[in-house]
Amino acid sequence: MNKRLTKISKYLTFVLRHEPQSIGLQLDPEGWTPVAELLQRVAANGKTITPEQLDEIIRESDVQRFALSDDRSRIRAV
């Protein structure tokens, strides 16, 4: 994974595991949140993550840090 994707992965880990409220994100009791809402809130906080970058991070990660729902509409930290 290139440096840019590694940086995005670390940011997503921070947001989804530790501080979802830092971008105004609400997780359900199992830690899931809609992918579209995550990307929207990230953008509203001055960062850009494309759906393609997110897919690449999930696909290429050595350690499975994130899970997508079967329909790929929700994401959570693992």
PDB file of N, CA and C in Angstrom:
ATOM      1  N   MET A   1       0.853  -1.168   0.000  1.00  0.00           N
ATOM      2  CA  MET A   1       0.000   0.000   0.000  1.00  0.00           C
ATOM      3  C   MET A   1       0.904   1.237   0.000  1.00  0.00           C
ATOM      4  N   ASN A   2       0.563   2.220  -0.813  1.00  0.00           N
ATOM      5  CA  ASN A   2       1.391   3.427  -0.894  1.00  0.00           C
ATOM      6  C   ASN A   2       1.184   4.318   0.342  1.00  0.00           C
ATOM      7  N   LYS A   3       2.040   5.331   0.475  1.00  0.00           N
ATOM      8  CA  LYS A   3       2.021   6.188   1.668  1.00  0.00           C
ATOM      9  C   LYS A   3       0.683   6.897   1.852  1.00  0.00           C
ATOM     10  N   ARG A   4       0.101   7.349   0.762  1.00  0.00           N
ATOM     11  CA  ARG A   4      -1.181   8.061   0.837  1.00  0.00           C
ATOM     12  C   ARG A   4      -2.263   7.142   1.408  1.00  0.00           C
ATOM     13  N   LEU A   5      -2.335   5.912   0.901  1.00  0.00           N
ATOM     14  CA  LEU A   5      -3.342   4.978   1.384  1.00  0.00           C
ATOM     15  C   LEU A   5      -3.075   4.564   2.834  1.00  0.00           C
ATOM     16  N   THR A   6      -1.815   4.440   3.207  1.00  0.00           N
ATOM     17  CA  THR A   6      -1.473   4.122   4.590  1.00  0.00           C
ATOM     18  C   THR A   6      -1.939   5.236   5.523  1.00  0.00           C
ATOM     19  N   LYS A   7      -1.731   6.467   5.103  1.00  0.00           N
ATOM     20  CA  LYS A   7      -2.172   7.620   5.901  1.00  0.00           C
ATOM     21  C   LYS A   7      -3.702   7.632   6.036  1.00  0.00           C
ATOM     22  N   ILE A   8      -4.407   7.348   4.958  1.00  0.00           N
ATOM     23  CA  ILE A   8      -5.873   7.293   4.994  1.00  0.00           C
ATOM     24  C   ILE A   8      -6.327   6.162   5.918  1.00  0.00           C
ATOM     25  N   SER A   9      -5.679   5.011   5.818  1.00  0.00           N
ATOM     26  CA  SER A   9      -6.026   3.867   6.654  1.00  0.00           C
ATOM     27  C   SER A   9      -5.875   4.195   8.131  1.00  0.00           C
ATOM     28  N   LYS A  10      -4.797   4.871   8.486  1.00  0.00           N
ATOM     29  CA  LYS A  10      -4.580   5.257   9.885  1.00  0.00           C
ATOM     30  C   LYS A  10      -5.654   6.246  10.346  1.00  0.00           C
ATOM     31  N   TYR A  11      -6.016   7.168   9.472  1.00  0.00           N
ATOM     32  CA  TYR A  11      -7.059   8.132   9.805  1.00  0.00           C
ATOM     33  C   TYR A  11      -8.397   7.417  10.017  1.00  0.00           C
ATOM     34  N   LEU A  12      -8.732   6.493   9.133  1.00  0.00           N
ATOM     35  CA  LEU A  12      -9.985   5.749   9.267  1.00  0.00           C
ATOM     36  C   LEU A  12     -10.000   4.905  10.535  1.00  0.00           C
ATOM     37  N   THR A  13      -8.860   4.329  10.875  1.00  0.00           N
ATOM     38  CA  THR A  13      -8.760   3.564  12.112  1.00  0.00           C
ATOM     39  C   THR A  13      -9.047   4.468  13.304  1.00  0.00           C
ATOM     40  N   PHE A  14      -8.443   5.637  13.324  1.00  0.00           N
ATOM     41  CA  PHE A  14      -8.682   6.599  14.398  1.00  0.00           C
ATOM     42  C   PHE A  14     -10.170   6.936  14.496  1.00  0.00           C
ATOM     43  N   VAL A  15     -10.773   7.265  13.370  1.00  0.00           N
ATOM     44  CA  VAL A  15     -12.175   7.683  13.366  1.00  0.00           C
ATOM     45  C   VAL A  15     -13.096   6.525  13.759  1.00  0.00           C
ATOM     46  N   LEU A  16     -12.930   5.372  13.144  1.00  0.00           N
ATOM     47  CA  LEU A  16     -13.873   4.277  13.370  1.00  0.00           C
ATOM     48  C   LEU A  16     -13.662   3.543  14.695  1.00  0.00           C
ATOM     49  N   ARG A  17     -12.448   3.550  15.212  1.00  0.00           N
ATOM     50  CA  ARG A  17     -12.173   2.842  16.472  1.00  0.00           C
ATOM     51  C   ARG A  17     -12.238   3.734  17.695  1.00  0.00           C
ATOM     52  N   HIS A  18     -11.752   4.956  17.552  1.00  0.00           N
ATOM     53  CA  HIS A  18     -11.530   5.767  18.746  1.00  0.00           C
ATOM     54  C   HIS A  18     -12.375   7.037  18.845  1.00  0.00           C
ATOM     55  N   GLU A  19     -12.511   7.758  17.751  1.00  0.00           N
ATOM     56  CA  GLU A  19     -13.143   9.085  17.830  1.00  0.00           C
ATOM     57  C   GLU A  19     -14.130   9.366  16.689  1.00  0.00           C
ATOM     58  N   PRO A  20     -15.187   8.557  16.547  1.00  0.00           N
ATOM     59  CA  PRO A  20     -16.151   8.853  15.478  1.00  0.00           C
ATOM     60  C   PRO A  20     -16.780  10.231  15.642  1.00  0.00           C
ATOM     61  N   GLN A  21     -16.946  10.655  16.887  1.00  0.00           N
ATOM     62  CA  GLN A  21     -17.555  11.962  17.147  1.00  0.00           C
ATOM     63  C   GLN A  21     -16.680  13.112  16.670  1.00  0.00           C
ATOM     64  N   SER A  22     -15.384  12.852  16.427  1.00  0.00           N
ATOM     65  CA  SER A  22     -14.496  13.926  15.962  1.00  0.00           C
ATOM     66  C   SER A  22     -14.911  14.463  14.598  1.00  0.00           C
ATOM     67  N   ILE A  23     -15.653  13.647  13.833  1.00  0.00           N
ATOM     68  CA  ILE A  23     -16.172  14.114  12.543  1.00  0.00           C
ATOM     69  C   ILE A  23     -17.701  14.105  12.528  1.00  0.00           C
ATOM     70  N   GLY A  24     -18.300  13.960  13.713  1.00  0.00           N
ATOM     71  CA  GLY A  24     -19.765  13.970  13.813  1.00  0.00           C
ATOM     72  C   GLY A  24     -20.412  12.682  13.359  1.00  0.00           C
ATOM     73  N   LEU A  25     -19.691  11.587  13.462  1.00  0.00           N
ATOM     74  CA  LEU A  25     -20.178  10.293  12.997  1.00  0.00           C
ATOM     75  C   LEU A  25     -20.786   9.523  14.155  1.00  0.00           C
ATOM     76  N   GLN A  26     -21.903   8.879  13.910  1.00  0.00           N
ATOM     77  CA  GLN A  26     -22.570   8.051  14.904  1.00  0.00           C
ATOM     78  C   GLN A  26     -22.483   6.592  14.454  1.00  0.00           C
ATOM     79  N   LEU A  27     -21.902   5.733  15.294  1.00  0.00           N
ATOM     80  CA  LEU A  27     -21.829   4.305  15.000  1.00  0.00           C
ATOM     81  C   LEU A  27     -23.005   3.602  15.659  1.00  0.00           C
ATOM     82  N   ASP A  28     -23.492   2.513  15.037  1.00  0.00           N
ATOM     83  CA  ASP A  28     -24.539   1.741  15.696  1.00  0.00           C
ATOM     84  C   ASP A  28     -23.907   0.907  16.816  1.00  0.00           C
ATOM     85  N   PRO A  29     -24.693   0.195  17.613  1.00  0.00           N
ATOM     86  CA  PRO A  29     -24.128  -0.537  18.756  1.00  0.00           C
ATOM     87  C   PRO A  29     -23.046  -1.565  18.388  1.00  0.00           C
ATOM     88  N   GLU A  30     -23.053  -2.062  17.159  1.00  0.00           N
ATOM     89  CA  GLU A  30     -22.032  -3.015  16.720  1.00  0.00           C
ATOM     90  C   GLU A  30     -20.860  -2.328  16.035  1.00  0.00           C
ATOM     91  N   GLY A  31     -20.879  -1.002  15.970  1.00  0.00           N
ATOM     92  CA  GLY A  31     -19.768  -0.253  15.383  1.00  0.00           C
ATOM     93  C   GLY A  31     -19.882   0.028  13.899  1.00  0.00           C
ATOM     94  N   TRP A  32     -21.011  -0.274  13.286  1.00  0.00           N
ATOM     95  CA  TRP A  32     -21.212  -0.047  11.854  1.00  0.00           C
ATOM     96  C   TRP A  32     -21.671   1.378  11.590  1.00  0.00           C
ATOM     97  N   THR A  33     -21.314   1.874  10.409  1.00  0.00           N
ATOM     98  CA  THR A  33     -21.801   3.171   9.939  1.00  0.00           C
ATOM     99  C   THR A  33     -21.919   3.099   8.420  1.00  0.00           C
ATOM    100  N   PRO A  34     -22.849   3.828   7.825  1.00  0.00           N
ATOM    101  CA  PRO A  34     -22.959   3.817   6.372  1.00  0.00           C
ATOM    102  C   PRO A  34     -21.690   4.379   5.707  1.00  0.00           C
ATOM    103  N   VAL A  35     -21.231   3.706   4.665  1.00  0.00           N
ATOM    104  CA  VAL A  35     -20.037   4.140   3.938  1.00  0.00           C
ATOM    105  C   VAL A  35     -20.249   5.551   3.386  1.00  0.00           C
ATOM    106  N   ALA A  36     -21.404   5.793   2.802  1.00  0.00           N
ATOM    107  CA  ALA A  36     -21.676   7.107   2.208  1.00  0.00           C
ATOM    108  C   ALA A  36     -21.598   8.204   3.259  1.00  0.00           C
ATOM    109  N   GLU A  37     -22.117   7.941   4.446  1.00  0.00           N
ATOM    110  CA  GLU A  37     -22.065   8.948   5.518  1.00  0.00           C
ATOM    111  C   GLU A  37     -20.627   9.161   5.983  1.00  0.00           C
ATOM    112  N   LEU A  38     -19.863   8.081   6.108  1.00  0.00           N
ATOM    113  CA  LEU A  38     -18.457   8.205   6.495  1.00  0.00           C
ATOM    114  C   LEU A  38     -17.715   9.098   5.511  1.00  0.00           C
ATOM    115  N   LEU A  39     -17.851   8.817   4.226  1.00  0.00           N
ATOM    116  CA  LEU A  39     -17.142   9.604   3.211  1.00  0.00           C
ATOM    117  C   LEU A  39     -17.604  11.054   3.211  1.00  0.00           C
ATOM    118  N   GLN A  40     -18.890  11.269   3.423  1.00  0.00           N
ATOM    119  CA  GLN A  40     -19.433  12.632   3.473  1.00  0.00           C
ATOM    120  C   GLN A  40     -18.883  13.397   4.672  1.00  0.00           C
ATOM    121  N   ARG A  41     -18.859  12.767   5.826  1.00  0.00           N
ATOM    122  CA  ARG A  41     -18.365  13.434   7.045  1.00  0.00           C
ATOM    123  C   ARG A  41     -16.861  13.698   6.955  1.00  0.00           C
ATOM    124  N   VAL A  42     -16.129  12.766   6.379  1.00  0.00           N
ATOM    125  CA  VAL A  42     -14.692  12.960   6.178  1.00  0.00           C
ATOM    126  C   VAL A  42     -14.468  14.185   5.289  1.00  0.00           C
ATOM    127  N   ALA A  43     -15.218  14.274   4.198  1.00  0.00           N
ATOM    128  CA  ALA A  43     -15.087  15.402   3.271  1.00  0.00           C
ATOM    129  C   ALA A  43     -15.462  16.721   3.952  1.00  0.00           C
ATOM    130  N   ALA A  44     -16.501  16.694   4.775  1.00  0.00           N
ATOM    131  CA  ALA A  44     -16.927  17.902   5.478  1.00  0.00           C
ATOM    132  C   ALA A  44     -15.865  18.377   6.466  1.00  0.00           C
ATOM    133  N   ASN A  45     -14.945  17.483   6.820  1.00  0.00           N
ATOM    134  CA  ASN A  45     -13.863  17.827   7.741  1.00  0.00           C
ATOM    135  C   ASN A  45     -12.543  18.050   7.020  1.00  0.00           C
ATOM    136  N   GLY A  46     -12.638  18.309   5.707  1.00  0.00           N
ATOM    137  CA  GLY A  46     -11.473  18.745   4.954  1.00  0.00           C
ATOM    138  C   GLY A  46     -10.567  17.660   4.398  1.00  0.00           C
ATOM    139  N   LYS A  47     -11.008  16.416   4.431  1.00  0.00           N
ATOM    140  CA  LYS A  47     -10.199  15.335   3.871  1.00  0.00           C
ATOM    141  C   LYS A  47     -10.963  14.709   2.711  1.00  0.00           C
ATOM    142  N   THR A  48     -10.233  14.138   1.786  1.00  0.00           N
ATOM    143  CA  THR A  48     -10.875  13.502   0.648  1.00  0.00           C
ATOM    144  C   THR A  48     -10.494  12.032   0.614  1.00  0.00           C
ATOM    145  N   ILE A  49     -11.511  11.189   0.644  1.00  0.00           N
ATOM    146  CA  ILE A  49     -11.331   9.747   0.470  1.00  0.00           C
ATOM    147  C   ILE A  49     -12.361   9.308  -0.560  1.00  0.00           C
ATOM    148  N   THR A  50     -11.886   8.735  -1.639  1.00  0.00           N
ATOM    149  CA  THR A  50     -12.799   8.269  -2.676  1.00  0.00           C
ATOM    150  C   THR A  50     -13.248   6.843  -2.356  1.00  0.00           C
ATOM    151  N   PRO A  51     -14.384   6.443  -2.893  1.00  0.00           N
ATOM    152  CA  PRO A  51     -14.808   5.047  -2.717  1.00  0.00           C
ATOM    153  C   PRO A  51     -13.754   4.066  -3.248  1.00  0.00           C
ATOM    154  N   GLU A  52     -13.072   4.449  -4.309  1.00  0.00           N
ATOM    155  CA  GLU A  52     -12.037   3.592  -4.886  1.00  0.00           C
ATOM    156  C   GLU A  52     -10.855   3.436  -3.925  1.00  0.00           C
ATOM    157  N   GLN A  53     -10.463   4.534  -3.272  1.00  0.00           N
ATOM    158  CA  GLN A  53      -9.380   4.457  -2.286  1.00  0.00           C
ATOM    159  C   GLN A  53      -9.790   3.575  -1.113  1.00  0.00           C
ATOM    160  N   LEU A  54     -11.014   3.722  -0.664  1.00  0.00           N
ATOM    161  CA  LEU A  54     -11.506   2.909   0.437  1.00  0.00           C
ATOM    162  C   LEU A  54     -11.472   1.428   0.061  1.00  0.00           C
ATOM    163  N   ASP A  55     -11.947   1.093  -1.121  1.00  0.00           N
ATOM    164  CA  ASP A  55     -11.910  -0.302  -1.591  1.00  0.00           C
ATOM    165  C   ASP A  55     -10.486  -0.834  -1.644  1.00  0.00           C
ATOM    166  N   GLU A  56      -9.565  -0.010  -2.134  1.00  0.00           N
ATOM    167  CA  GLU A  56      -8.168  -0.423  -2.243  1.00  0.00           C
ATOM    168  C   GLU A  56      -7.555  -0.663  -0.864  1.00  0.00           C
ATOM    169  N   ILE A  57      -7.860   0.193   0.085  1.00  0.00           N
ATOM    170  CA  ILE A  57      -7.358   0.027   1.452  1.00  0.00           C
ATOM    171  C   ILE A  57      -7.851  -1.293   2.040  1.00  0.00           C
ATOM    172  N   ILE A  58      -9.122  -1.571   1.882  1.00  0.00           N
ATOM    173  CA  ILE A  58      -9.696  -2.806   2.426  1.00  0.00           C
ATOM    174  C   ILE A  58      -9.111  -4.027   1.723  1.00  0.00           C
ATOM    175  N   ARG A  59      -8.963  -3.950   0.428  1.00  0.00           N
ATOM    176  CA  ARG A  59      -8.463  -5.073  -0.370  1.00  0.00           C
ATOM    177  C   ARG A  59      -6.986  -5.359  -0.119  1.00  0.00           C
ATOM    178  N   GLU A  60      -6.159  -4.320   0.013  1.00  0.00           N
ATOM    179  CA  GLU A  60      -4.714  -4.500   0.068  1.00  0.00           C
ATOM    180  C   GLU A  60      -4.108  -4.532   1.466  1.00  0.00           C
ATOM    181  N   SER A  61      -4.911  -4.333   2.480  1.00  0.00           N
ATOM    182  CA  SER A  61      -4.372  -4.274   3.839  1.00  0.00           C
ATOM    183  C   SER A  61      -3.832  -5.631   4.273  1.00  0.00           C
ATOM    184  N   ASP A  62      -2.608  -5.625   4.853  1.00  0.00           N
ATOM    185  CA  ASP A  62      -2.020  -6.849   5.399  1.00  0.00           C
ATOM    186  C   ASP A  62      -2.844  -7.351   6.580  1.00  0.00           C
ATOM    187  N   VAL A  63      -3.236  -6.414   7.406  1.00  0.00           N
ATOM    188  CA  VAL A  63      -4.042  -6.706   8.589  1.00  0.00           C
ATOM    189  C   VAL A  63      -5.459  -6.233   8.288  1.00  0.00           C
ATOM    190  N   GLN A  64      -6.425  -7.098   8.466  1.00  0.00           N
ATOM    191  CA  GLN A  64      -7.809  -6.741   8.163  1.00  0.00           C
ATOM    192  C   GLN A  64      -8.319  -5.776   9.224  1.00  0.00           C
ATOM    193  N   ARG A  65      -8.226  -4.472   8.948  1.00  0.00           N
ATOM    194  CA  ARG A  65      -8.625  -3.447   9.904  1.00  0.00           C
ATOM    195  C   ARG A  65     -10.096  -3.058   9.794  1.00  0.00           C
ATOM    196  N   PHE A  66     -10.677  -3.272   8.632  1.00  0.00           N
ATOM    197  CA  PHE A  66     -12.050  -2.831   8.384  1.00  0.00           C
ATOM    198  C   PHE A  66     -12.861  -3.965   7.768  1.00  0.00           C
ATOM    199  N   ALA A  67     -14.159  -3.921   8.037  1.00  0.00           N
ATOM    200  CA  ALA A  67     -15.081  -4.879   7.436  1.00  0.00           C
ATOM    201  C   ALA A  67     -16.191  -4.111   6.746  1.00  0.00           C
ATOM    202  N   LEU A  68     -16.598  -4.617   5.610  1.00  0.00           N
ATOM    203  CA  LEU A  68     -17.751  -4.078   4.901  1.00  0.00           C
ATOM    204  C   LEU A  68     -18.914  -5.050   5.059  1.00  0.00           C
ATOM    205  N   SER A  69     -20.108  -4.523   5.130  1.00  0.00           N
ATOM    206  CA  SER A  69     -21.291  -5.383   5.164  1.00  0.00           C
ATOM    207  C   SER A  69     -21.400  -6.117   3.833  1.00  0.00           C
ATOM    208  N   ASP A  70     -22.202  -7.167   3.801  1.00  0.00           N
ATOM    209  CA  ASP A  70     -22.346  -7.969   2.582  1.00  0.00           C
ATOM    210  C   ASP A  70     -22.784  -7.136   1.378  1.00  0.00           C
ATOM    211  N   ASP A  71     -23.618  -6.157   1.614  1.00  0.00           N
ATOM    212  CA  ASP A  71     -24.071  -5.306   0.508  1.00  0.00           C
ATOM    213  C   ASP A  71     -23.142  -4.114   0.264  1.00  0.00           C
ATOM    214  N   ARG A  72     -22.032  -4.049   1.031  1.00  0.00           N
ATOM    215  CA  ARG A  72     -20.988  -3.040   0.893  1.00  0.00           C
ATOM    216  C   ARG A  72     -21.472  -1.616   1.194  1.00  0.00           C
ATOM    217  N   SER A  73     -22.583  -1.499   1.914  1.00  0.00           N
ATOM    218  CA  SER A  73     -23.106  -0.168   2.219  1.00  0.00           C
ATOM    219  C   SER A  73     -22.668   0.340   3.591  1.00  0.00           C
ATOM    220  N   ARG A  74     -22.144  -0.562   4.450  1.00  0.00           N
ATOM    221  CA  ARG A  74     -21.741  -0.168   5.793  1.00  0.00           C
ATOM    222  C   ARG A  74     -20.310  -0.647   6.060  1.00  0.00           C
ATOM    223  N   ILE A  75     -19.635   0.061   6.951  1.00  0.00           N
ATOM    224  CA  ILE A  75     -18.254  -0.253   7.297  1.00  0.00           C
ATOM    225  C   ILE A  75     -18.081  -0.174   8.811  1.00  0.00           C
ATOM    226  N   ARG A  76     -17.118  -0.937   9.323  1.00  0.00           N
ATOM    227  CA  ARG A  76     -16.739  -0.834  10.727  1.00  0.00           C
ATOM    228  C   ARG A  76     -15.279  -1.229  10.883  1.00  0.00           C
ATOM    229  N   ALA A  77     -14.687  -0.821  11.986  1.00  0.00           N
ATOM    230  CA  ALA A  77     -13.337  -1.251  12.329  1.00  0.00           C
ATOM    231  C   ALA A  77     -13.445  -2.663  12.897  1.00  0.00           C
ATOM    232  N   VAL A  78     -12.441  -3.474  12.617  1.00  0.00           N
ATOM    233  CA  VAL A  78     -12.430  -4.856  13.117  1.00  0.00           C
ATOM    234  C   VAL A  78     -11.518  -4.941  14.306  1.00  0.00           C
TER     235      VAL A  78
END
